[in-house]
Amino acid sequence: MNHRIHRNHPNMWQFIKFFQAEEKRLQTIVLQWSAGASKKANPRTTFIQNRINTLHDR
């Protein structure tokens, strides 16, 4: 968790601000998904799927 807060020993206020920002970020993502937005594609998965499709089409 320290690498996400960017501090080795965060004080309580930094910890609270981190969780508030994280909650806001997650609420935004859930709202977007409920509105019909698709999840962000993983580049590695997309690359592998394209290779599979190429092999299948040959």
C-alpha atoms as a PDB file:
ATOM      1  CA  MET A   1       0.000   0.000   0.000  1.00  0.00           C
ATOM      2  CA  ASN A   2       2.908   2.383   0.635  1.00  0.00           C
ATOM      3  CA  HIS A   3       3.777   2.428  -3.050  1.00  0.00           C
ATOM      4  CA  ARG A   4       0.237   3.612  -3.854  1.00  0.00           C
ATOM      5  CA  ILE A   5       0.379   6.429  -1.296  1.00  0.00           C
ATOM      6  CA  HIS A   6       3.965   7.249  -2.373  1.00  0.00           C
ATOM      7  CA  ARG A   7       5.227   7.523   1.192  1.00  0.00           C
ATOM      8  CA  ASN A   8       6.995   5.082   3.467  1.00  0.00           C
ATOM      9  CA  HIS A   9       5.271   6.303   6.635  1.00  0.00           C
ATOM     10  CA  PRO A  10       2.140   8.280   5.743  1.00  0.00           C
ATOM     11  CA  ASN A  11       0.418  10.204   8.490  1.00  0.00           C
ATOM     12  CA  MET A  12      -3.274   9.700   9.226  1.00  0.00           C
ATOM     13  CA  TRP A  13      -4.461  12.616   7.059  1.00  0.00           C
ATOM     14  CA  GLN A  14      -2.594  11.365   3.989  1.00  0.00           C
ATOM     15  CA  PHE A  15      -4.040   7.926   4.625  1.00  0.00           C
ATOM     16  CA  ILE A  16      -7.590   9.325   4.846  1.00  0.00           C
ATOM     17  CA  LYS A  17      -7.117  11.442   1.700  1.00  0.00           C
ATOM     18  CA  PHE A  18      -5.834   8.388  -0.149  1.00  0.00           C
ATOM     19  CA  PHE A  19      -8.921   6.368   0.767  1.00  0.00           C
ATOM     20  CA  GLN A  20     -11.241   9.227  -0.146  1.00  0.00           C
ATOM     21  CA  ALA A  21      -9.616   9.533  -3.575  1.00  0.00           C
ATOM     22  CA  GLU A  22      -9.747   5.756  -4.053  1.00  0.00           C
ATOM     23  CA  GLU A  23     -13.440   5.647  -3.154  1.00  0.00           C
ATOM     24  CA  LYS A  24     -14.195   8.485  -5.571  1.00  0.00           C
ATOM     25  CA  ARG A  25     -12.256   6.710  -8.345  1.00  0.00           C
ATOM     26  CA  LEU A  26     -14.123   3.447  -7.777  1.00  0.00           C
ATOM     27  CA  GLN A  27     -17.505   5.192  -7.669  1.00  0.00           C
ATOM     28  CA  THR A  28     -16.720   6.799 -11.025  1.00  0.00           C
ATOM     29  CA  ILE A  29     -15.761   3.447 -12.554  1.00  0.00           C
ATOM     30  CA  VAL A  30     -18.901   1.731 -11.232  1.00  0.00           C
ATOM     31  CA  LEU A  31     -21.050   4.580 -12.554  1.00  0.00           C
ATOM     32  CA  GLN A  32     -19.422   4.292 -15.990  1.00  0.00           C
ATOM     33  CA  TRP A  33     -19.949   0.515 -16.058  1.00  0.00           C
ATOM     34  CA  SER A  34     -23.588   0.864 -15.040  1.00  0.00           C
ATOM     35  CA  ALA A  35     -24.050   3.396 -17.850  1.00  0.00           C
ATOM     36  CA  GLY A  36     -22.824   0.789 -20.337  1.00  0.00           C
ATOM     37  CA  ALA A  37     -19.168   1.700 -20.759  1.00  0.00           C
ATOM     38  CA  SER A  38     -16.858  -1.226 -21.391  1.00  0.00           C
ATOM     39  CA  LYS A  39     -13.892  -2.078 -19.215  1.00  0.00           C
ATOM     40  CA  LYS A  40     -10.468  -0.878 -20.324  1.00  0.00           C
ATOM     41  CA  ALA A  41      -8.804  -3.483 -22.525  1.00  0.00           C
ATOM     42  CA  ASN A  42      -5.610  -5.063 -21.283  1.00  0.00           C
ATOM     43  CA  PRO A  43      -2.908  -4.503 -23.959  1.00  0.00           C
ATOM     44  CA  ARG A  44      -1.349  -7.925 -23.359  1.00  0.00           C
ATOM     45  CA  THR A  45      -4.695  -9.703 -23.684  1.00  0.00           C
ATOM     46  CA  THR A  46      -5.508  -7.738 -26.839  1.00  0.00           C
ATOM     47  CA  PHE A  47      -2.128  -8.649 -28.353  1.00  0.00           C
ATOM     48  CA  ILE A  48      -2.581 -12.353 -27.598  1.00  0.00           C
ATOM     49  CA  GLN A  49      -6.149 -12.322 -28.939  1.00  0.00           C
ATOM     50  CA  ASN A  50      -4.957 -10.709 -32.185  1.00  0.00           C
ATOM     51  CA  ARG A  51      -2.320 -13.435 -32.590  1.00  0.00           C
ATOM     52  CA  ILE A  52      -4.933 -16.134 -32.022  1.00  0.00           C
ATOM     53  CA  ASN A  53      -7.245 -14.503 -34.559  1.00  0.00           C
ATOM     54  CA  THR A  54      -4.416 -14.327 -37.112  1.00  0.00           C
ATOM     55  CA  LEU A  55      -3.600 -18.011 -36.654  1.00  0.00           C
ATOM     56  CA  HIS A  56      -7.274 -18.930 -36.900  1.00  0.00           C
ATOM     57  CA  ASP A  57      -7.730 -16.964 -40.134  1.00  0.00           C
ATOM     58  CA  ARG A  58      -4.807 -18.705 -41.895  1.00  0.00           C
END
